[in-house]
Amino acid sequence: MAGDDPHREWTQRLTSLGPDIPADKARKFVHELYDHAQADLDDERAEAEFEREE
């Protein structure tokens, strides 16, 4: 459902900046960007936790 899409706002912002970008490609880009950013945060948290345990 569109209301359940956590990336909807960012997808809309991206397509408003580049109106020639298809919505499905913008949605995929935003999703991949979010996943990579989340993975980086998870790595940082794991490293910080490891540092605390030593």
PDB file of N, CA and C in Angstrom:
ATOM      1  N   MET A   1       0.831  -1.186   0.000  1.00  0.00           N
ATOM      2  CA  MET A   1       0.000   0.000   0.000  1.00  0.00           C
ATOM      3  C   MET A   1       0.873   1.247   0.000  1.00  0.00           C
ATOM      4  N   ALA A   2       0.448   2.258  -0.662  1.00  0.00           N
ATOM      5  CA  ALA A   2       1.223   3.489  -0.746  1.00  0.00           C
ATOM      6  C   ALA A   2       1.417   4.128   0.621  1.00  0.00           C
ATOM      7  N   GLY A   3       0.428   4.029   1.490  1.00  0.00           N
ATOM      8  CA  GLY A   3       0.530   4.611   2.814  1.00  0.00           C
ATOM      9  C   GLY A   3       1.527   3.898   3.703  1.00  0.00           C
ATOM     10  N   ASP A   4       1.853   2.661   3.333  1.00  0.00           N
ATOM     11  CA  ASP A   4       2.794   1.880   4.128  1.00  0.00           C
ATOM     12  C   ASP A   4       4.228   2.015   3.640  1.00  0.00           C
ATOM     13  N   ASP A   5       4.470   2.778   2.581  1.00  0.00           N
ATOM     14  CA  ASP A   5       5.803   2.922   2.005  1.00  0.00           C
ATOM     15  C   ASP A   5       6.596   3.955   2.799  1.00  0.00           C
ATOM     16  N   PRO A   6       7.600   3.502   3.576  1.00  0.00           N
ATOM     17  CA  PRO A   6       8.365   4.444   4.386  1.00  0.00           C
ATOM     18  C   PRO A   6       9.258   5.363   3.548  1.00  0.00           C
ATOM     19  N   HIS A   7       9.435   5.031   2.281  1.00  0.00           N
ATOM     20  CA  HIS A   7      10.308   5.818   1.415  1.00  0.00           C
ATOM     21  C   HIS A   7       9.529   6.740   0.472  1.00  0.00           C
ATOM     22  N   ARG A   8       8.219   6.775   0.627  1.00  0.00           N
ATOM     23  CA  ARG A   8       7.369   7.533  -0.297  1.00  0.00           C
ATOM     24  C   ARG A   8       7.751   9.010  -0.367  1.00  0.00           C
ATOM     25  N   GLU A   9       7.959   9.638   0.788  1.00  0.00           N
ATOM     26  CA  GLU A   9       8.270  11.071   0.794  1.00  0.00           C
ATOM     27  C   GLU A   9       9.570  11.357   0.044  1.00  0.00           C
ATOM     28  N   TRP A  10      10.592  10.535   0.293  1.00  0.00           N
ATOM     29  CA  TRP A  10      11.879  10.743  -0.383  1.00  0.00           C
ATOM     30  C   TRP A  10      11.781  10.437  -1.867  1.00  0.00           C
ATOM     31  N   THR A  11      10.985   9.440  -2.223  1.00  0.00           N
ATOM     32  CA  THR A  11      10.785   9.125  -3.638  1.00  0.00           C
ATOM     33  C   THR A  11      10.114  10.304  -4.337  1.00  0.00           C
ATOM     34  N   GLN A  12       9.119  10.891  -3.693  1.00  0.00           N
ATOM     35  CA  GLN A  12       8.429  12.044  -4.271  1.00  0.00           C
ATOM     36  C   GLN A  12       9.379  13.236  -4.408  1.00  0.00           C
ATOM     37  N   ARG A  13      10.232  13.433  -3.417  1.00  0.00           N
ATOM     38  CA  ARG A  13      11.195  14.538  -3.501  1.00  0.00           C
ATOM     39  C   ARG A  13      12.149  14.336  -4.668  1.00  0.00           C
ATOM     40  N   LEU A  14      12.613  13.098  -4.841  1.00  0.00           N
ATOM     41  CA  LEU A  14      13.535  12.797  -5.936  1.00  0.00           C
ATOM     42  C   LEU A  14      12.865  13.013  -7.286  1.00  0.00           C
ATOM     43  N   THR A  15      11.650  12.530  -7.441  1.00  0.00           N
ATOM     44  CA  THR A  15      10.969  12.696  -8.733  1.00  0.00           C
ATOM     45  C   THR A  15      10.592  14.158  -8.984  1.00  0.00           C
ATOM     46  N   SER A  16      10.424  14.954  -7.926  1.00  0.00           N
ATOM     47  CA  SER A  16      10.139  16.376  -8.149  1.00  0.00           C
ATOM     48  C   SER A  16      11.395  17.112  -8.620  1.00  0.00           C
ATOM     49  N   LEU A  17      12.568  16.622  -8.224  1.00  0.00           N
ATOM     50  CA  LEU A  17      13.822  17.232  -8.676  1.00  0.00           C
ATOM     51  C   LEU A  17      14.179  16.796 -10.094  1.00  0.00           C
ATOM     52  N   GLY A  18      13.796  15.595 -10.435  1.00  0.00           N
ATOM     53  CA  GLY A  18      14.056  15.065 -11.767  1.00  0.00           C
ATOM     54  C   GLY A  18      12.797  14.462 -12.322  1.00  0.00           C
ATOM     55  N   PRO A  19      11.913  15.288 -12.857  1.00  0.00           N
ATOM     56  CA  PRO A  19      10.611  14.787 -13.310  1.00  0.00           C
ATOM     57  C   PRO A  19      10.697  13.710 -14.397  1.00  0.00           C
ATOM     58  N   ASP A  20      11.851  13.593 -15.065  1.00  0.00           N
ATOM     59  CA  ASP A  20      12.001  12.555 -16.089  1.00  0.00           C
ATOM     60  C   ASP A  20      12.371  11.209 -15.496  1.00  0.00           C
ATOM     61  N   ILE A  21      12.621  11.155 -14.182  1.00  0.00           N
ATOM     62  CA  ILE A  21      12.970   9.901 -13.521  1.00  0.00           C
ATOM     63  C   ILE A  21      11.688   9.106 -13.285  1.00  0.00           C
ATOM     64  N   PRO A  22      11.611   7.880 -13.801  1.00  0.00           N
ATOM     65  CA  PRO A  22      10.421   7.058 -13.553  1.00  0.00           C
ATOM     66  C   PRO A  22      10.266   6.773 -12.051  1.00  0.00           C
ATOM     67  N   ALA A  23       9.040   6.772 -11.578  1.00  0.00           N
ATOM     68  CA  ALA A  23       8.760   6.585 -10.149  1.00  0.00           C
ATOM     69  C   ALA A  23       9.331   5.272  -9.630  1.00  0.00           C
ATOM     70  N   ASP A  24       9.261   4.197 -10.422  1.00  0.00           N
ATOM     71  CA  ASP A  24       9.770   2.916  -9.943  1.00  0.00           C
ATOM     72  C   ASP A  24      11.287   2.945  -9.781  1.00  0.00           C
ATOM     73  N   LYS A  25      11.981   3.634 -10.669  1.00  0.00           N
ATOM     74  CA  LYS A  25      13.445   3.757 -10.543  1.00  0.00           C
ATOM     75  C   LYS A  25      13.812   4.645  -9.361  1.00  0.00           C
ATOM     76  N   ALA A  26      13.063   5.711  -9.149  1.00  0.00           N
ATOM     77  CA  ALA A  26      13.313   6.583  -8.007  1.00  0.00           C
ATOM     78  C   ALA A  26      13.078   5.820  -6.707  1.00  0.00           C
ATOM     79  N   ARG A  27      12.010   5.045  -6.647  1.00  0.00           N
ATOM     80  CA  ARG A  27      11.696   4.257  -5.456  1.00  0.00           C
ATOM     81  C   ARG A  27      12.812   3.251  -5.171  1.00  0.00           C
ATOM     82  N   LYS A  28      13.297   2.587  -6.224  1.00  0.00           N
ATOM     83  CA  LYS A  28      14.380   1.606  -6.066  1.00  0.00           C
ATOM     84  C   LYS A  28      15.652   2.286  -5.569  1.00  0.00           C
ATOM     85  N   PHE A  29      15.984   3.446  -6.133  1.00  0.00           N
ATOM     86  CA  PHE A  29      17.164   4.188  -5.712  1.00  0.00           C
ATOM     87  C   PHE A  29      17.069   4.573  -4.240  1.00  0.00           C
ATOM     88  N   VAL A  30      15.927   5.124  -3.839  1.00  0.00           N
ATOM     89  CA  VAL A  30      15.741   5.542  -2.445  1.00  0.00           C
ATOM     90  C   VAL A  30      15.841   4.329  -1.519  1.00  0.00           C
ATOM     91  N   HIS A  31      15.250   3.217  -1.902  1.00  0.00           N
ATOM     92  CA  HIS A  31      15.298   2.004  -1.091  1.00  0.00           C
ATOM     93  C   HIS A  31      16.740   1.514  -0.943  1.00  0.00           C
ATOM     94  N   GLU A  32      17.491   1.467  -2.039  1.00  0.00           N
ATOM     95  CA  GLU A  32      18.883   1.018  -1.978  1.00  0.00           C
ATOM     96  C   GLU A  32      19.738   1.967  -1.149  1.00  0.00           C
ATOM     97  N   LEU A  33      19.515   3.261  -1.298  1.00  0.00           N
ATOM     98  CA  LEU A  33      20.260   4.250  -0.516  1.00  0.00           C
ATOM     99  C   LEU A  33      19.990   4.061   0.973  1.00  0.00           C
ATOM    100  N   TYR A  34      18.723   3.861   1.323  1.00  0.00           N
ATOM    101  CA  TYR A  34      18.354   3.631   2.716  1.00  0.00           C
ATOM    102  C   TYR A  34      19.014   2.358   3.256  1.00  0.00           C
ATOM    103  N   ASP A  35      18.968   1.290   2.471  1.00  0.00           N
ATOM    104  CA  ASP A  35      19.574   0.025   2.912  1.00  0.00           C
ATOM    105  C   ASP A  35      21.068   0.174   3.159  1.00  0.00           C
ATOM    106  N   HIS A  36      21.759   0.874   2.267  1.00  0.00           N
ATOM    107  CA  HIS A  36      23.203   1.072   2.443  1.00  0.00           C
ATOM    108  C   HIS A  36      23.498   1.937   3.668  1.00  0.00           C
ATOM    109  N   ALA A  37      22.725   2.975   3.858  1.00  0.00           N
ATOM    110  CA  ALA A  37      22.921   3.838   5.020  1.00  0.00           C
ATOM    111  C   ALA A  37      22.651   3.068   6.314  1.00  0.00           C
ATOM    112  N   GLN A  38      21.616   2.252   6.318  1.00  0.00           N
ATOM    113  CA  GLN A  38      21.288   1.452   7.504  1.00  0.00           C
ATOM    114  C   GLN A  38      22.400   0.451   7.794  1.00  0.00           C
ATOM    115  N   ALA A  39      22.953  -0.173   6.753  1.00  0.00           N
ATOM    116  CA  ALA A  39      24.047  -1.125   6.939  1.00  0.00           C
ATOM    117  C   ALA A  39      25.281  -0.425   7.521  1.00  0.00           C
ATOM    118  N   ASP A  40      25.565   0.783   7.047  1.00  0.00           N
ATOM    119  CA  ASP A  40      26.688   1.544   7.596  1.00  0.00           C
ATOM    120  C   ASP A  40      26.469   1.860   9.071  1.00  0.00           C
ATOM    121  N   LEU A  41      25.251   2.257   9.418  1.00  0.00           N
ATOM    122  CA  LEU A  41      24.947   2.537  10.825  1.00  0.00           C
ATOM    123  C   LEU A  41      25.076   1.274  11.680  1.00  0.00           C
ATOM    124  N   ASP A  42      24.607   0.161  11.166  1.00  0.00           N
ATOM    125  CA  ASP A  42      24.718  -1.108  11.893  1.00  0.00           C
ATOM    126  C   ASP A  42      26.183  -1.469  12.122  1.00  0.00           C
ATOM    127  N   ASP A  43      27.025  -1.256  11.098  1.00  0.00           N
ATOM    128  CA  ASP A  43      28.464  -1.522  11.243  1.00  0.00           C
ATOM    129  C   ASP A  43      29.085  -0.622  12.305  1.00  0.00           C
ATOM    130  N   GLU A  44      28.715   0.654  12.297  1.00  0.00           N
ATOM    131  CA  GLU A  44      29.247   1.589  13.292  1.00  0.00           C
ATOM    132  C   GLU A  44      28.815   1.190  14.699  1.00  0.00           C
ATOM    133  N   ARG A  45      27.566   0.792  14.858  1.00  0.00           N
ATOM    134  CA  ARG A  45      27.075   0.376  16.178  1.00  0.00           C
ATOM    135  C   ARG A  45      27.797  -0.879  16.658  1.00  0.00           C
ATOM    136  N   ALA A  46      27.995  -1.830  15.753  1.00  0.00           N
ATOM    137  CA  ALA A  46      28.692  -3.062  16.118  1.00  0.00           C
ATOM    138  C   ALA A  46      30.127  -2.760  16.530  1.00  0.00           C
ATOM    139  N   GLU A  47      30.782  -1.871  15.809  1.00  0.00           N
ATOM    140  CA  GLU A  47      32.160  -1.501  16.142  1.00  0.00           C
ATOM    141  C   GLU A  47      32.207  -0.792  17.492  1.00  0.00           C
ATOM    142  N   ALA A  48      31.278   0.098  17.737  1.00  0.00           N
ATOM    143  CA  ALA A  48      31.242   0.817  19.014  1.00  0.00           C
ATOM    144  C   ALA A  48      30.981  -0.154  20.161  1.00  0.00           C
ATOM    145  N   GLU A  49      30.082  -1.104  19.955  1.00  0.00           N
ATOM    146  CA  GLU A  49      29.799  -2.097  20.996  1.00  0.00           C
ATOM    147  C   GLU A  49      31.030  -2.958  21.257  1.00  0.00           C
ATOM    148  N   PHE A  50      31.731  -3.337  20.218  1.00  0.00           N
ATOM    149  CA  PHE A  50      32.958  -4.129  20.355  1.00  0.00           C
ATOM    150  C   PHE A  50      33.993  -3.342  21.151  1.00  0.00           C
ATOM    151  N   GLU A  51      34.136  -2.055  20.846  1.00  0.00           N
ATOM    152  CA  GLU A  51      35.089  -1.196  21.563  1.00  0.00           C
ATOM    153  C   GLU A  51      34.733  -1.097  23.047  1.00  0.00           C
ATOM    154  N   ARG A  52      33.456  -1.004  23.357  1.00  0.00           N
ATOM    155  CA  ARG A  52      33.013  -0.912  24.763  1.00  0.00           C
ATOM    156  C   ARG A  52      33.308  -2.203  25.521  1.00  0.00           C
ATOM    157  N   GLU A  53      33.195  -3.329  24.837  1.00  0.00           N
ATOM    158  CA  GLU A  53      33.387  -4.611  25.496  1.00  0.00           C
ATOM    159  C   GLU A  53      34.848  -4.914  25.780  1.00  0.00           C
ATOM    160  N   GLU A  54      35.750  -4.263  25.067  1.00  0.00           N
ATOM    161  CA  GLU A  54      37.177  -4.533  25.286  1.00  0.00           C
ATOM    162  C   GLU A  54      37.714  -3.811  26.488  1.00  0.00           C
TER     163      GLU A  54
END
